[in-house]
Amino acid sequence: MKNITDITITIFVLPILLVVIPIIYLFILISDGYPAIYKQERVGKNGKIFTLYKFRTMDHSSDENIHEEHYKNLTKAQTVEPSLTPGNPIRIENDDRITKIGQFLRKTSLDELPNLFNVLFGEMSIVGPRPLVKYESDLLGEYQKERHSVKPGITGLAQTQGRLDLSLQERLYWDLDYVKKYNLVLDLKIIFQTVMSVISRKGAN
């Protein structure tokens, strides 16, 4: 049922995407050059690595090691345990690697639209824990297997709770909570809440 829902929603919005995606693609090319699509290896269901597609929001010369170092600093001298105790947020404050059009795309979550191709390829779901880079996943230690027991999603329970305002511990808590009780009704609720979060730009980077 979850797979059928994913494909049905994707096909339903496909006509809109065929108009919106080329427009965003051209805006990125005109304002910041090639490439407009960013590809990155992420951890999928059962730990399988796949290529994630999204619109590029960072400068060509941006150093990806900055993101890895940021996450390692967040977990320095501690393990990541699921918790609702507030901690240091995931976001990198005042990240000057993000382009002007990238700022808009992130605030509106339009940078994630190409994720729908990953849904069509069967690598992602509309709803689920966000797919992690390998070094992010490694920080979760013993919780990796449970978190990756379902397909990663374009949006998830953690994203409706604050997106990048959450700490790694809070995000893990909500991701595992979703894994334990996900169902169609919850997925539809998360989709609705995600739309509301995007409109309000709550927790956007």
N, C-alpha and C. Protein backbone atom coordinates (compact mmCIF):
# COMPACT_ATOMS: atom_id res chain seq x y z
N MET A 1 0.82 -1.21 0.00
CA MET A 1 0.00 0.00 0.00
C MET A 1 0.86 1.26 0.00
N LYS A 2 1.96 1.22 0.76
CA LYS A 2 2.85 2.39 0.82
C LYS A 2 3.47 2.66 -0.55
N ASN A 3 3.91 1.59 -1.23
CA ASN A 3 4.50 1.74 -2.56
C ASN A 3 3.49 2.29 -3.56
N ILE A 4 2.26 1.77 -3.47
CA ILE A 4 1.20 2.24 -4.38
C ILE A 4 0.91 3.71 -4.13
N THR A 5 0.88 4.11 -2.85
CA THR A 5 0.64 5.51 -2.51
C THR A 5 1.75 6.41 -3.06
N ASP A 6 2.99 5.96 -2.92
CA ASP A 6 4.14 6.73 -3.43
C ASP A 6 4.03 6.98 -4.92
N ILE A 7 3.77 5.91 -5.67
CA ILE A 7 3.70 6.02 -7.13
C ILE A 7 2.49 6.85 -7.54
N THR A 8 1.36 6.67 -6.85
CA THR A 8 0.13 7.41 -7.18
C THR A 8 0.34 8.91 -6.99
N ILE A 9 0.93 9.29 -5.86
CA ILE A 9 1.17 10.72 -5.58
C ILE A 9 2.14 11.31 -6.60
N THR A 10 3.21 10.54 -6.90
CA THR A 10 4.22 11.03 -7.84
C THR A 10 3.63 11.23 -9.23
N ILE A 11 2.84 10.27 -9.69
CA ILE A 11 2.22 10.38 -11.02
C ILE A 11 1.21 11.53 -11.04
N PHE A 12 0.51 11.71 -9.92
CA PHE A 12 -0.49 12.78 -9.84
C PHE A 12 0.16 14.16 -9.99
N VAL A 13 1.33 14.36 -9.38
CA VAL A 13 1.98 15.69 -9.44
C VAL A 13 2.94 15.81 -10.64
N LEU A 14 3.11 14.72 -11.39
CA LEU A 14 4.07 14.73 -12.50
C LEU A 14 3.80 15.83 -13.52
N PRO A 15 2.55 16.07 -13.94
CA PRO A 15 2.31 17.14 -14.91
C PRO A 15 2.79 18.51 -14.41
N ILE A 16 2.63 18.76 -13.10
CA ILE A 16 3.10 20.02 -12.53
C ILE A 16 4.62 20.06 -12.53
N LEU A 17 5.23 18.92 -12.20
CA LEU A 17 6.70 18.84 -12.13
C LEU A 17 7.33 19.06 -13.49
N LEU A 18 6.67 18.58 -14.54
CA LEU A 18 7.22 18.73 -15.88
C LEU A 18 7.29 20.19 -16.31
N VAL A 19 6.54 21.04 -15.61
CA VAL A 19 6.59 22.48 -15.87
C VAL A 19 7.55 23.16 -14.89
N VAL A 20 7.42 22.83 -13.61
CA VAL A 20 8.18 23.52 -12.57
C VAL A 20 9.67 23.17 -12.60
N ILE A 21 9.99 21.88 -12.75
CA ILE A 21 11.40 21.46 -12.71
C ILE A 21 12.24 22.12 -13.80
N PRO A 22 11.80 22.16 -15.07
CA PRO A 22 12.60 22.85 -16.10
C PRO A 22 12.80 24.34 -15.80
N ILE A 23 11.78 24.99 -15.22
CA ILE A 23 11.89 26.41 -14.89
C ILE A 23 12.96 26.63 -13.83
N ILE A 24 12.93 25.83 -12.76
CA ILE A 24 13.94 25.95 -11.71
C ILE A 24 15.31 25.63 -12.27
N TYR A 25 15.37 24.59 -13.09
CA TYR A 25 16.64 24.18 -13.72
C TYR A 25 17.27 25.35 -14.49
N LEU A 26 16.45 26.02 -15.29
CA LEU A 26 16.94 27.15 -16.09
C LEU A 26 17.37 28.32 -15.20
N PHE A 27 16.61 28.60 -14.13
CA PHE A 27 16.96 29.68 -13.22
C PHE A 27 18.34 29.44 -12.59
N ILE A 28 18.61 28.20 -12.22
CA ILE A 28 19.92 27.88 -11.62
C ILE A 28 21.03 28.05 -12.65
N LEU A 29 20.80 27.58 -13.88
CA LEU A 29 21.80 27.72 -14.93
C LEU A 29 22.11 29.18 -15.22
N ILE A 30 21.06 30.00 -15.30
CA ILE A 30 21.23 31.42 -15.62
C ILE A 30 21.91 32.16 -14.47
N SER A 31 21.52 31.87 -13.24
CA SER A 31 22.04 32.63 -12.09
C SER A 31 23.37 32.11 -11.57
N ASP A 32 23.61 30.80 -11.73
CA ASP A 32 24.81 30.25 -11.11
C ASP A 32 25.54 29.22 -11.96
N GLY A 33 25.06 28.98 -13.17
CA GLY A 33 25.77 28.08 -14.06
C GLY A 33 25.49 26.60 -13.84
N TYR A 34 26.27 25.79 -14.56
CA TYR A 34 26.12 24.33 -14.55
C TYR A 34 26.97 23.72 -13.44
N PRO A 35 26.55 22.60 -12.83
CA PRO A 35 25.32 21.84 -13.06
C PRO A 35 24.17 22.35 -12.20
N ALA A 36 22.96 22.12 -12.64
CA ALA A 36 21.79 22.55 -11.87
C ALA A 36 21.34 21.43 -10.92
N ILE A 37 21.64 20.20 -11.30
CA ILE A 37 21.26 19.04 -10.48
C ILE A 37 22.47 18.58 -9.67
N TYR A 38 22.26 18.38 -8.38
CA TYR A 38 23.31 17.90 -7.48
C TYR A 38 23.06 16.43 -7.19
N LYS A 39 24.10 15.62 -7.31
CA LYS A 39 24.00 14.18 -7.06
C LYS A 39 24.92 13.80 -5.91
N GLN A 40 24.40 12.98 -5.02
CA GLN A 40 25.20 12.57 -3.85
C GLN A 40 24.78 11.17 -3.40
N GLU A 41 25.75 10.39 -3.00
CA GLU A 41 25.45 9.05 -2.50
C GLU A 41 24.85 9.13 -1.10
N ARG A 42 23.74 8.43 -0.90
CA ARG A 42 23.07 8.39 0.39
C ARG A 42 22.80 6.94 0.79
N VAL A 43 22.51 6.75 2.07
CA VAL A 43 22.21 5.41 2.60
C VAL A 43 20.71 5.17 2.51
N GLY A 44 20.33 4.08 1.85
CA GLY A 44 18.93 3.75 1.67
C GLY A 44 18.47 2.61 2.57
N LYS A 45 17.40 1.98 2.17
CA LYS A 45 16.82 0.90 2.96
C LYS A 45 17.82 -0.24 3.12
N ASN A 46 17.92 -0.75 4.34
CA ASN A 46 18.83 -1.84 4.68
C ASN A 46 20.29 -1.51 4.38
N GLY A 47 20.61 -0.21 4.42
CA GLY A 47 21.99 0.22 4.24
C GLY A 47 22.47 0.27 2.81
N LYS A 48 21.59 0.05 1.83
CA LYS A 48 22.00 0.08 0.43
C LYS A 48 22.26 1.52 -0.01
N ILE A 49 23.40 1.73 -0.66
CA ILE A 49 23.77 3.07 -1.13
C ILE A 49 23.09 3.37 -2.47
N PHE A 50 22.53 4.58 -2.59
CA PHE A 50 21.93 5.00 -3.86
C PHE A 50 22.31 6.45 -4.13
N THR A 51 22.07 6.90 -5.36
CA THR A 51 22.38 8.28 -5.75
C THR A 51 21.15 9.16 -5.59
N LEU A 52 21.25 10.16 -4.73
CA LEU A 52 20.15 11.10 -4.49
C LEU A 52 20.25 12.26 -5.48
N TYR A 53 19.09 12.69 -6.00
CA TYR A 53 19.04 13.83 -6.92
C TYR A 53 18.31 14.99 -6.26
N LYS A 54 18.90 16.17 -6.34
CA LYS A 54 18.24 17.38 -5.86
C LYS A 54 18.81 18.56 -6.63
N PHE A 55 18.15 19.71 -6.52
CA PHE A 55 18.69 20.90 -7.18
C PHE A 55 19.90 21.42 -6.40
N ARG A 56 20.90 21.86 -7.14
CA ARG A 56 22.11 22.38 -6.48
C ARG A 56 21.80 23.72 -5.83
N THR A 57 22.15 23.84 -4.55
CA THR A 57 21.89 25.07 -3.80
C THR A 57 23.17 25.71 -3.27
N MET A 58 24.31 25.06 -3.52
CA MET A 58 25.58 25.59 -3.02
C MET A 58 26.50 25.99 -4.17
N ASP A 59 27.44 26.84 -3.84
CA ASP A 59 28.43 27.31 -4.81
C ASP A 59 29.27 26.15 -5.33
N HIS A 60 29.74 26.27 -6.59
CA HIS A 60 30.56 25.22 -7.20
C HIS A 60 31.76 24.84 -6.33
N SER A 61 32.38 25.84 -5.73
CA SER A 61 33.63 25.63 -5.01
C SER A 61 33.42 25.25 -3.54
N SER A 62 32.18 25.01 -3.13
CA SER A 62 31.92 24.73 -1.72
C SER A 62 32.61 23.44 -1.28
N ASP A 63 33.15 23.48 -0.07
CA ASP A 63 33.88 22.36 0.51
C ASP A 63 32.91 21.46 1.28
N GLU A 64 32.69 20.25 0.78
CA GLU A 64 31.74 19.33 1.42
C GLU A 64 32.27 18.83 2.76
N ASN A 65 33.57 18.95 2.99
CA ASN A 65 34.14 18.51 4.26
C ASN A 65 33.64 19.35 5.44
N ILE A 66 33.18 20.59 5.14
CA ILE A 66 32.67 21.46 6.19
C ILE A 66 31.46 20.82 6.86
N HIS A 67 30.58 20.23 6.05
CA HIS A 67 29.39 19.58 6.57
C HIS A 67 29.76 18.38 7.45
N GLU A 68 30.72 17.60 6.99
CA GLU A 68 31.15 16.43 7.77
C GLU A 68 31.77 16.85 9.10
N GLU A 69 32.62 17.86 9.06
CA GLU A 69 33.25 18.34 10.29
C GLU A 69 32.21 18.89 11.27
N HIS A 70 31.19 19.57 10.72
CA HIS A 70 30.13 20.12 11.57
C HIS A 70 29.42 19.01 12.33
N TYR A 71 29.09 17.94 11.64
CA TYR A 71 28.39 16.83 12.28
C TYR A 71 29.27 16.12 13.31
N LYS A 72 30.53 16.00 12.99
CA LYS A 72 31.44 15.34 13.94
C LYS A 72 31.62 16.20 15.19
N ASN A 73 31.60 17.53 15.01
CA ASN A 73 31.70 18.42 16.17
C ASN A 73 30.46 18.33 17.05
N LEU A 74 29.30 18.11 16.41
CA LEU A 74 28.06 17.98 17.17
C LEU A 74 28.06 16.73 18.06
N THR A 75 28.84 15.73 17.66
CA THR A 75 28.85 14.47 18.40
C THR A 75 30.17 14.23 19.13
N LYS A 76 30.99 15.27 19.24
CA LYS A 76 32.28 15.12 19.89
C LYS A 76 32.10 14.69 21.35
N ALA A 77 32.83 13.65 21.72
CA ALA A 77 32.83 13.12 23.10
C ALA A 77 31.47 12.62 23.56
N GLN A 78 30.59 12.24 22.60
CA GLN A 78 29.30 11.69 22.98
C GLN A 78 28.76 10.80 21.86
N THR A 79 27.86 9.90 22.20
CA THR A 79 27.19 9.08 21.20
C THR A 79 25.82 9.66 20.93
N VAL A 80 25.30 9.40 19.75
CA VAL A 80 23.99 9.92 19.40
C VAL A 80 22.92 8.95 19.91
N GLU A 81 22.16 9.38 20.89
CA GLU A 81 21.09 8.59 21.47
C GLU A 81 19.76 9.30 21.21
N PRO A 82 18.69 8.54 20.93
CA PRO A 82 17.38 9.19 20.72
C PRO A 82 16.92 9.92 21.97
N SER A 83 16.62 11.20 21.83
CA SER A 83 16.24 12.00 22.99
C SER A 83 15.45 13.22 22.54
N LEU A 84 14.54 13.68 23.39
CA LEU A 84 13.80 14.91 23.12
C LEU A 84 14.36 16.09 23.90
N THR A 85 15.50 15.87 24.56
CA THR A 85 16.16 16.97 25.26
C THR A 85 16.82 17.88 24.23
N PRO A 86 16.47 19.17 24.18
CA PRO A 86 17.03 20.08 23.18
C PRO A 86 18.55 20.12 23.23
N GLY A 87 19.16 20.17 22.06
CA GLY A 87 20.61 20.25 21.97
C GLY A 87 21.01 21.18 20.85
N ASN A 88 22.26 21.11 20.43
CA ASN A 88 22.72 21.96 19.33
C ASN A 88 22.00 21.58 18.04
N PRO A 89 21.40 22.56 17.35
CA PRO A 89 20.65 22.26 16.13
C PRO A 89 21.55 21.76 15.01
N ILE A 90 20.96 21.01 14.09
CA ILE A 90 21.70 20.43 12.98
C ILE A 90 22.23 21.49 12.02
N ARG A 91 21.49 22.57 11.88
CA ARG A 91 21.83 23.58 10.88
C ARG A 91 23.22 24.17 11.08
N ILE A 92 23.84 24.59 9.96
CA ILE A 92 25.08 25.36 9.99
C ILE A 92 24.66 26.82 9.84
N GLU A 93 24.87 27.59 10.88
CA GLU A 93 24.43 28.99 10.87
C GLU A 93 25.25 29.82 9.87
N ASN A 94 24.54 30.71 9.14
CA ASN A 94 25.17 31.66 8.23
C ASN A 94 26.12 30.96 7.26
N ASP A 95 25.64 29.91 6.64
CA ASP A 95 26.46 29.14 5.69
C ASP A 95 26.58 29.91 4.38
N ASP A 96 27.76 30.50 4.14
CA ASP A 96 27.94 31.34 2.96
C ASP A 96 28.18 30.53 1.69
N ARG A 97 28.15 29.22 1.78
CA ARG A 97 28.28 28.38 0.59
C ARG A 97 26.98 28.33 -0.21
N ILE A 98 25.87 28.68 0.44
CA ILE A 98 24.56 28.60 -0.21
C ILE A 98 24.37 29.80 -1.15
N THR A 99 23.97 29.54 -2.38
CA THR A 99 23.77 30.61 -3.36
C THR A 99 22.46 31.35 -3.06
N LYS A 100 22.28 32.48 -3.72
CA LYS A 100 21.06 33.26 -3.50
C LYS A 100 19.81 32.48 -3.90
N ILE A 101 19.86 31.85 -5.08
CA ILE A 101 18.69 31.06 -5.49
C ILE A 101 18.58 29.81 -4.62
N GLY A 102 19.73 29.33 -4.12
CA GLY A 102 19.73 28.18 -3.24
C GLY A 102 19.02 28.47 -1.92
N GLN A 103 19.16 29.69 -1.43
CA GLN A 103 18.48 30.09 -0.20
C GLN A 103 16.96 30.00 -0.38
N PHE A 104 16.49 30.48 -1.53
CA PHE A 104 15.05 30.42 -1.82
C PHE A 104 14.58 28.97 -1.95
N LEU A 105 15.35 28.17 -2.67
CA LEU A 105 14.96 26.77 -2.89
C LEU A 105 14.91 26.00 -1.58
N ARG A 106 15.83 26.28 -0.68
CA ARG A 106 15.85 25.58 0.60
C ARG A 106 14.69 26.02 1.50
N LYS A 107 14.42 27.31 1.52
CA LYS A 107 13.34 27.81 2.37
C LYS A 107 11.98 27.27 1.93
N THR A 108 11.84 27.03 0.63
CA THR A 108 10.58 26.52 0.09
C THR A 108 10.60 25.01 -0.11
N SER A 109 11.76 24.39 0.15
CA SER A 109 11.96 22.94 -0.03
C SER A 109 11.85 22.51 -1.50
N LEU A 110 11.90 23.46 -2.42
CA LEU A 110 11.83 23.12 -3.85
C LEU A 110 13.10 22.41 -4.32
N ASP A 111 14.18 22.53 -3.56
CA ASP A 111 15.42 21.85 -3.94
C ASP A 111 15.27 20.34 -3.89
N GLU A 112 14.25 19.85 -3.16
CA GLU A 112 14.05 18.41 -3.00
C GLU A 112 13.17 17.81 -4.11
N LEU A 113 12.63 18.62 -5.00
CA LEU A 113 11.72 18.09 -6.03
C LEU A 113 12.32 16.93 -6.84
N PRO A 114 13.59 16.99 -7.23
CA PRO A 114 14.15 15.86 -7.98
C PRO A 114 14.19 14.56 -7.19
N ASN A 115 13.97 14.62 -5.86
CA ASN A 115 13.86 13.39 -5.06
C ASN A 115 12.75 12.49 -5.59
N LEU A 116 11.76 13.09 -6.26
CA LEU A 116 10.64 12.30 -6.77
C LEU A 116 11.10 11.27 -7.81
N PHE A 117 12.21 11.56 -8.49
CA PHE A 117 12.75 10.56 -9.41
C PHE A 117 13.29 9.36 -8.63
N ASN A 118 13.85 9.63 -7.45
CA ASN A 118 14.29 8.52 -6.59
C ASN A 118 13.11 7.68 -6.12
N VAL A 119 11.95 8.34 -5.93
CA VAL A 119 10.74 7.61 -5.56
C VAL A 119 10.31 6.70 -6.71
N LEU A 120 10.33 7.24 -7.94
CA LEU A 120 9.96 6.44 -9.11
C LEU A 120 10.92 5.28 -9.31
N PHE A 121 12.19 5.47 -8.96
CA PHE A 121 13.19 4.40 -9.10
C PHE A 121 13.08 3.36 -7.98
N GLY A 122 12.19 3.62 -6.99
CA GLY A 122 12.01 2.68 -5.90
C GLY A 122 13.03 2.79 -4.79
N GLU A 123 13.83 3.87 -4.82
CA GLU A 123 14.90 4.05 -3.83
C GLU A 123 14.44 4.82 -2.60
N MET A 124 13.38 5.62 -2.78
CA MET A 124 12.85 6.44 -1.69
C MET A 124 11.34 6.34 -1.65
N SER A 125 10.79 6.84 -0.55
CA SER A 125 9.35 6.94 -0.38
C SER A 125 9.00 8.42 -0.24
N ILE A 126 7.73 8.76 -0.35
CA ILE A 126 7.32 10.14 -0.11
C ILE A 126 7.59 10.49 1.35
N VAL A 127 7.26 9.55 2.25
CA VAL A 127 7.43 9.78 3.69
C VAL A 127 8.36 8.72 4.28
N GLY A 128 9.29 9.18 5.10
CA GLY A 128 10.23 8.29 5.77
C GLY A 128 11.36 9.12 6.35
N PRO A 129 12.27 8.51 7.08
CA PRO A 129 13.43 9.26 7.58
C PRO A 129 14.24 9.81 6.40
N ARG A 130 14.72 11.03 6.49
CA ARG A 130 15.51 11.60 5.41
C ARG A 130 16.76 10.76 5.18
N PRO A 131 17.14 10.54 3.90
CA PRO A 131 18.33 9.74 3.61
C PRO A 131 19.61 10.45 4.07
N LEU A 132 20.48 9.71 4.74
CA LEU A 132 21.70 10.27 5.30
C LEU A 132 22.91 9.98 4.42
N VAL A 133 23.91 10.86 4.51
CA VAL A 133 25.22 10.58 3.93
C VAL A 133 25.86 9.51 4.82
N LYS A 134 26.78 8.73 4.27
CA LYS A 134 27.37 7.61 5.01
C LYS A 134 27.97 8.04 6.35
N TYR A 135 28.68 9.17 6.38
CA TYR A 135 29.31 9.56 7.64
C TYR A 135 28.26 9.99 8.67
N GLU A 136 27.11 10.52 8.22
CA GLU A 136 26.02 10.83 9.15
C GLU A 136 25.45 9.55 9.74
N SER A 137 25.24 8.56 8.87
CA SER A 137 24.69 7.29 9.31
C SER A 137 25.62 6.61 10.31
N ASP A 138 26.92 6.67 10.06
CA ASP A 138 27.90 6.02 10.95
C ASP A 138 27.85 6.58 12.36
N LEU A 139 27.46 7.86 12.50
CA LEU A 139 27.40 8.49 13.82
C LEU A 139 26.28 7.89 14.68
N LEU A 140 25.34 7.18 14.05
CA LEU A 140 24.19 6.64 14.78
C LEU A 140 24.49 5.31 15.46
N GLY A 141 25.64 4.73 15.15
CA GLY A 141 26.06 3.50 15.81
C GLY A 141 25.02 2.39 15.73
N GLU A 142 24.60 1.88 16.89
CA GLU A 142 23.69 0.74 16.97
C GLU A 142 22.30 1.03 16.43
N TYR A 143 21.96 2.31 16.24
CA TYR A 143 20.62 2.67 15.77
C TYR A 143 20.52 2.69 14.24
N GLN A 144 21.63 2.51 13.55
CA GLN A 144 21.62 2.55 12.09
C GLN A 144 20.66 1.52 11.48
N LYS A 145 20.76 0.28 11.94
CA LYS A 145 19.98 -0.80 11.34
C LYS A 145 18.50 -0.54 11.44
N GLU A 146 18.03 -0.11 12.63
CA GLU A 146 16.60 0.15 12.81
C GLU A 146 16.15 1.33 11.96
N ARG A 147 16.93 2.39 11.93
CA ARG A 147 16.55 3.59 11.17
C ARG A 147 16.48 3.29 9.68
N HIS A 148 17.37 2.42 9.19
CA HIS A 148 17.41 2.11 7.77
C HIS A 148 16.58 0.89 7.39
N SER A 149 15.67 0.48 8.29
CA SER A 149 14.84 -0.69 8.00
C SER A 149 13.65 -0.33 7.10
N VAL A 150 13.45 0.96 6.87
CA VAL A 150 12.41 1.42 5.94
C VAL A 150 13.05 2.32 4.88
N LYS A 151 12.34 2.55 3.79
CA LYS A 151 12.86 3.44 2.76
C LYS A 151 12.98 4.86 3.30
N PRO A 152 14.04 5.57 2.93
CA PRO A 152 14.13 6.98 3.31
C PRO A 152 13.07 7.77 2.56
N GLY A 153 12.71 8.95 3.10
CA GLY A 153 11.64 9.72 2.50
C GLY A 153 12.02 11.13 2.10
N ILE A 154 11.20 11.73 1.26
CA ILE A 154 11.37 13.14 0.91
C ILE A 154 11.08 14.00 2.13
N THR A 155 10.08 13.58 2.90
CA THR A 155 9.78 14.23 4.17
C THR A 155 9.53 13.15 5.21
N GLY A 156 9.52 13.56 6.47
CA GLY A 156 9.33 12.57 7.52
C GLY A 156 8.81 13.19 8.80
N LEU A 157 8.64 12.35 9.80
CA LEU A 157 8.13 12.82 11.08
C LEU A 157 9.06 13.87 11.70
N ALA A 158 10.35 13.67 11.57
CA ALA A 158 11.32 14.63 12.12
C ALA A 158 11.17 15.99 11.44
N GLN A 159 10.90 15.98 10.12
CA GLN A 159 10.80 17.25 9.39
C GLN A 159 9.58 18.05 9.85
N THR A 160 8.56 17.39 10.33
CA THR A 160 7.37 18.12 10.81
C THR A 160 7.56 18.64 12.23
N GLN A 161 8.64 18.24 12.88
CA GLN A 161 8.90 18.66 14.26
C GLN A 161 9.89 19.82 14.36
N GLY A 162 10.43 20.25 13.22
CA GLY A 162 11.34 21.37 13.29
C GLY A 162 12.45 21.39 12.27
N ARG A 163 12.53 20.33 11.44
CA ARG A 163 13.54 20.28 10.38
C ARG A 163 14.94 20.51 10.94
N LEU A 164 15.64 21.53 10.48
CA LEU A 164 17.02 21.75 10.90
C LEU A 164 17.15 22.42 12.26
N ASP A 165 16.03 22.76 12.89
CA ASP A 165 16.07 23.29 14.26
C ASP A 165 16.32 22.18 15.27
N LEU A 166 16.14 20.92 14.85
CA LEU A 166 16.34 19.79 15.75
C LEU A 166 17.82 19.49 15.94
N SER A 167 18.13 18.84 17.06
CA SER A 167 19.48 18.31 17.27
C SER A 167 19.54 16.92 16.63
N LEU A 168 20.72 16.36 16.51
CA LEU A 168 20.85 15.00 15.98
C LEU A 168 20.08 14.00 16.85
N GLN A 169 20.11 14.23 18.16
CA GLN A 169 19.42 13.33 19.10
C GLN A 169 17.91 13.40 18.91
N GLU A 170 17.39 14.62 18.73
CA GLU A 170 15.94 14.78 18.53
C GLU A 170 15.51 14.18 17.20
N ARG A 171 16.31 14.43 16.15
CA ARG A 171 15.97 13.88 14.84
C ARG A 171 15.94 12.35 14.90
N LEU A 172 16.92 11.75 15.58
CA LEU A 172 16.95 10.30 15.70
C LEU A 172 15.72 9.78 16.44
N TYR A 173 15.32 10.49 17.49
CA TYR A 173 14.14 10.09 18.26
C TYR A 173 12.91 10.01 17.35
N TRP A 174 12.67 11.07 16.57
CA TRP A 174 11.48 11.10 15.72
C TRP A 174 11.58 10.11 14.57
N ASP A 175 12.79 9.90 14.04
CA ASP A 175 12.96 8.91 12.97
C ASP A 175 12.63 7.51 13.46
N LEU A 176 13.12 7.15 14.64
CA LEU A 176 12.84 5.82 15.18
C LEU A 176 11.38 5.69 15.58
N ASP A 177 10.79 6.78 16.03
CA ASP A 177 9.37 6.77 16.39
C ASP A 177 8.53 6.47 15.15
N TYR A 178 8.93 7.05 14.01
CA TYR A 178 8.22 6.80 12.76
C TYR A 178 8.35 5.33 12.34
N VAL A 179 9.57 4.80 12.43
CA VAL A 179 9.83 3.41 12.03
C VAL A 179 8.94 2.45 12.81
N LYS A 180 8.72 2.75 14.08
CA LYS A 180 7.95 1.86 14.95
C LYS A 180 6.45 1.88 14.66
N LYS A 181 5.93 2.99 14.17
CA LYS A 181 4.47 3.07 14.04
C LYS A 181 3.95 3.62 12.71
N TYR A 182 4.79 3.59 11.66
CA TYR A 182 4.32 4.18 10.41
C TYR A 182 3.16 3.40 9.80
N ASN A 183 2.23 4.15 9.22
CA ASN A 183 1.08 3.60 8.53
C ASN A 183 0.56 4.66 7.56
N LEU A 184 -0.40 4.32 6.75
CA LEU A 184 -0.88 5.22 5.71
C LEU A 184 -1.47 6.50 6.29
N VAL A 185 -2.24 6.39 7.36
CA VAL A 185 -2.85 7.58 7.97
C VAL A 185 -1.76 8.52 8.49
N LEU A 186 -0.74 7.96 9.12
CA LEU A 186 0.37 8.79 9.63
C LEU A 186 1.10 9.46 8.47
N ASP A 187 1.31 8.71 7.38
CA ASP A 187 1.98 9.29 6.21
C ASP A 187 1.21 10.48 5.65
N LEU A 188 -0.10 10.34 5.53
CA LEU A 188 -0.92 11.43 5.00
C LEU A 188 -0.89 12.64 5.94
N LYS A 189 -0.87 12.37 7.25
CA LYS A 189 -0.79 13.45 8.23
C LYS A 189 0.54 14.19 8.10
N ILE A 190 1.63 13.43 7.91
CA ILE A 190 2.96 14.03 7.78
C ILE A 190 3.05 14.87 6.50
N ILE A 191 2.46 14.38 5.41
CA ILE A 191 2.46 15.15 4.16
C ILE A 191 1.75 16.49 4.36
N PHE A 192 0.61 16.46 5.02
CA PHE A 192 -0.14 17.69 5.28
C PHE A 192 0.68 18.63 6.17
N GLN A 193 1.28 18.11 7.24
CA GLN A 193 2.07 18.93 8.15
C GLN A 193 3.31 19.50 7.46
N THR A 194 3.86 18.73 6.53
CA THR A 194 5.03 19.21 5.79
C THR A 194 4.67 20.41 4.94
N VAL A 195 3.52 20.34 4.28
CA VAL A 195 3.06 21.48 3.46
C VAL A 195 2.91 22.71 4.34
N MET A 196 2.34 22.54 5.52
CA MET A 196 2.15 23.66 6.45
C MET A 196 3.50 24.21 6.93
N SER A 197 4.47 23.31 7.16
CA SER A 197 5.80 23.73 7.62
C SER A 197 6.52 24.52 6.53
N VAL A 198 6.36 24.06 5.29
CA VAL A 198 7.00 24.75 4.16
C VAL A 198 6.42 26.14 3.99
N ILE A 199 5.08 26.23 4.11
CA ILE A 199 4.41 27.53 3.98
C ILE A 199 4.88 28.50 5.06
N SER A 200 5.04 27.98 6.28
CA SER A 200 5.47 28.82 7.41
C SER A 200 6.99 28.99 7.46
N ARG A 201 7.69 28.13 6.64
CA ARG A 201 9.16 28.12 6.60
C ARG A 201 9.77 27.78 7.96
N LYS A 202 9.05 27.05 8.76
CA LYS A 202 9.53 26.65 10.09
C LYS A 202 10.72 25.70 9.96
N GLY A 203 11.84 26.06 10.59
CA GLY A 203 13.01 25.21 10.64
C GLY A 203 13.78 25.13 9.32
N ALA A 204 13.45 26.01 8.35
CA ALA A 204 14.15 25.98 7.07
C ALA A 204 15.55 26.55 7.21
N ASN A 205 16.45 26.11 6.33
CA ASN A 205 17.83 26.60 6.39
C ASN A 205 17.96 27.84 5.51
